[in-house]
Every structure is written in structure tokens, then in C-alpha cells.
Amino acid sequence: MSDAAQRLLGESLGQDVLVKLRSNETVRGRLRSFDQHLNVVLEDAYEMVGDGQRRLGTVVIRGENIVMISPASRG
């Protein structure tokens, strides 16, 4: 992972993010931690399903499954 990507993720710790997965699913939650392989831990996570969402709680997502991470507003 590049230094710029690591810095940006570090600044997002404790913030809400959207994580787009290779399976075309989107998960939203508060970024708790990440590592050099882009494995991430999200708290208060929700899977975005159609027009709604499904509560997941705390999840670990393997970096190899992540396509994109973006800031998100809580709502």
C-alpha cells in the first residue's frame, strides 16, 4: 500500500466509510483499523441491500475483496 493511501486511511480512522467489494456488495461502517494488506475492521457495519440495509455489527473484510473505500456521512 502506498504511503499516501496509508495516510488517507489513517485520517479516516473512527470515521464512517463505504467499502465496495469485488462481489459488487457495499458495506458501510466506522473504520476501526486496517493493515498493510488493506484488511479492515468496521464497527457498526451495515450491508447496503437494495433501498435498505442489513445490520452486520463488527466485521473484518479481507483486503483482497476490497475494490474501493470512500468517506461516507452517517445517516
C-alpha atoms as a PDB file:
ATOM      1  CA  MET A   1       0.000   0.000   0.000  1.00  0.00           C
ATOM      2  CA  SER A   2       1.363   3.450  -0.874  1.00  0.00           C
ATOM      3  CA  ASP A   3       2.250   5.999   1.784  1.00  0.00           C
ATOM      4  CA  ALA A   4      -0.487   8.326   0.509  1.00  0.00           C
ATOM      5  CA  ALA A   5      -3.146   5.594   0.767  1.00  0.00           C
ATOM      6  CA  GLN A   6      -1.968   4.657   4.246  1.00  0.00           C
ATOM      7  CA  ARG A   7      -2.063   8.323   5.332  1.00  0.00           C
ATOM      8  CA  LEU A   8      -5.590   8.808   3.949  1.00  0.00           C
ATOM      9  CA  LEU A   9      -6.865   5.670   5.662  1.00  0.00           C
ATOM     10  CA  GLY A  10      -5.183   6.739   8.888  1.00  0.00           C
ATOM     11  CA  GLU A  11      -7.053  10.046   8.711  1.00  0.00           C
ATOM     12  CA  SER A  12     -10.309   8.088   8.241  1.00  0.00           C
ATOM     13  CA  LEU A  13      -9.934   6.035  11.439  1.00  0.00           C
ATOM     14  CA  GLY A  14     -13.044   6.495  13.562  1.00  0.00           C
ATOM     15  CA  GLN A  15     -14.958   7.899  10.571  1.00  0.00           C
ATOM     16  CA  ASP A  16     -17.747   6.310   8.536  1.00  0.00           C
ATOM     17  CA  VAL A  17     -16.668   4.770   5.242  1.00  0.00           C
ATOM     18  CA  LEU A  18     -18.259   2.928   2.333  1.00  0.00           C
ATOM     19  CA  VAL A  19     -16.441  -0.223   1.225  1.00  0.00           C
ATOM     20  CA  LYS A  20     -17.220  -1.573  -2.256  1.00  0.00           C
ATOM     21  CA  LEU A  21     -16.429  -5.298  -2.590  1.00  0.00           C
ATOM     22  CA  ARG A  22     -15.471  -7.448  -5.580  1.00  0.00           C
ATOM     23  CA  SER A  23     -18.813  -9.223  -5.171  1.00  0.00           C
ATOM     24  CA  ASN A  24     -20.484  -5.876  -6.009  1.00  0.00           C
ATOM     25  CA  GLU A  25     -21.765  -5.528  -2.428  1.00  0.00           C
ATOM     26  CA  THR A  26     -21.344  -2.323  -0.449  1.00  0.00           C
ATOM     27  CA  VAL A  27     -20.693  -2.228   3.301  1.00  0.00           C
ATOM     28  CA  ARG A  28     -20.892   0.916   5.398  1.00  0.00           C
ATOM     29  CA  GLY A  29     -19.376   1.309   8.863  1.00  0.00           C
ATOM     30  CA  ARG A  30     -16.923   3.101  11.127  1.00  0.00           C
ATOM     31  CA  LEU A  31     -13.306   2.321  10.239  1.00  0.00           C
ATOM     32  CA  ARG A  32     -11.739   0.816  13.348  1.00  0.00           C
ATOM     33  CA  SER A  33      -8.414  -0.405  11.928  1.00  0.00           C
ATOM     34  CA  PHE A  34      -6.544  -1.519   8.807  1.00  0.00           C
ATOM     35  CA  ASP A  35      -3.222  -3.129   7.921  1.00  0.00           C
ATOM     36  CA  GLN A  36      -0.691  -3.100   5.075  1.00  0.00           C
ATOM     37  CA  HIS A  37      -2.757  -5.698   3.145  1.00  0.00           C
ATOM     38  CA  LEU A  38      -5.839  -3.424   3.319  1.00  0.00           C
ATOM     39  CA  ASN A  39      -7.638  -5.817   5.653  1.00  0.00           C
ATOM     40  CA  VAL A  40     -10.094  -3.578   7.504  1.00  0.00           C
ATOM     41  CA  VAL A  41     -12.202  -3.776  10.651  1.00  0.00           C
ATOM     42  CA  LEU A  42     -15.513  -1.906  10.588  1.00  0.00           C
ATOM     43  CA  GLU A  43     -17.726  -1.278  13.614  1.00  0.00           C
ATOM     44  CA  ASP A  44     -21.489  -0.655  13.430  1.00  0.00           C
ATOM     45  CA  ALA A  45     -21.384  -2.031   9.891  1.00  0.00           C
ATOM     46  CA  TYR A  46     -24.349  -2.351   7.547  1.00  0.00           C
ATOM     47  CA  GLU A  47     -24.629  -4.131   4.212  1.00  0.00           C
ATOM     48  CA  MET A  48     -26.412  -1.923   1.709  1.00  0.00           C
ATOM     49  CA  VAL A  49     -29.252  -4.057   0.258  1.00  0.00           C
ATOM     50  CA  GLY A  50     -31.487  -2.518  -2.406  1.00  0.00           C
ATOM     51  CA  ASP A  51     -33.113   0.535  -0.829  1.00  0.00           C
ATOM     52  CA  GLY A  52     -32.419  -0.689   2.707  1.00  0.00           C
ATOM     53  CA  GLN A  53     -29.647  -2.036   4.850  1.00  0.00           C
ATOM     54  CA  ARG A  54     -28.871  -5.137   6.911  1.00  0.00           C
ATOM     55  CA  ARG A  55     -27.061  -4.731  10.243  1.00  0.00           C
ATOM     56  CA  LEU A  56     -23.783  -6.673  10.496  1.00  0.00           C
ATOM     57  CA  GLY A  57     -22.169  -5.230  13.643  1.00  0.00           C
ATOM     58  CA  THR A  58     -18.372  -5.532  13.759  1.00  0.00           C
ATOM     59  CA  VAL A  59     -16.806  -7.123  10.675  1.00  0.00           C
ATOM     60  CA  VAL A  60     -13.372  -7.905   9.271  1.00  0.00           C
ATOM     61  CA  ILE A  61     -13.039  -7.551   5.497  1.00  0.00           C
ATOM     62  CA  ARG A  62     -10.046  -9.076   3.735  1.00  0.00           C
ATOM     63  CA  GLY A  63      -8.152  -6.609   1.600  1.00  0.00           C
ATOM     64  CA  GLU A  64      -8.216  -8.880  -1.467  1.00  0.00           C
ATOM     65  CA  ASN A  65     -12.010  -8.425  -1.604  1.00  0.00           C
ATOM     66  CA  ILE A  66     -11.964  -4.613  -1.479  1.00  0.00           C
ATOM     67  CA  VAL A  67     -12.323  -2.595  -4.671  1.00  0.00           C
ATOM     68  CA  MET A  68     -12.799   0.876  -3.140  1.00  0.00           C
ATOM     69  CA  ILE A  69     -13.037   2.691   0.201  1.00  0.00           C
ATOM     70  CA  SER A  70     -14.732   6.079   0.315  1.00  0.00           C
ATOM     71  CA  PRO A  71     -15.753   8.516   3.092  1.00  0.00           C
ATOM     72  CA  ALA A  72     -19.458   8.362   3.982  1.00  0.00           C
ATOM     73  CA  SER A  73     -21.766  10.526   6.048  1.00  0.00           C
ATOM     74  CA  ARG A  74     -23.780   8.811   8.783  1.00  0.00           C
ATOM     75  CA  GLY A  75     -27.489   8.911   8.171  1.00  0.00           C
END
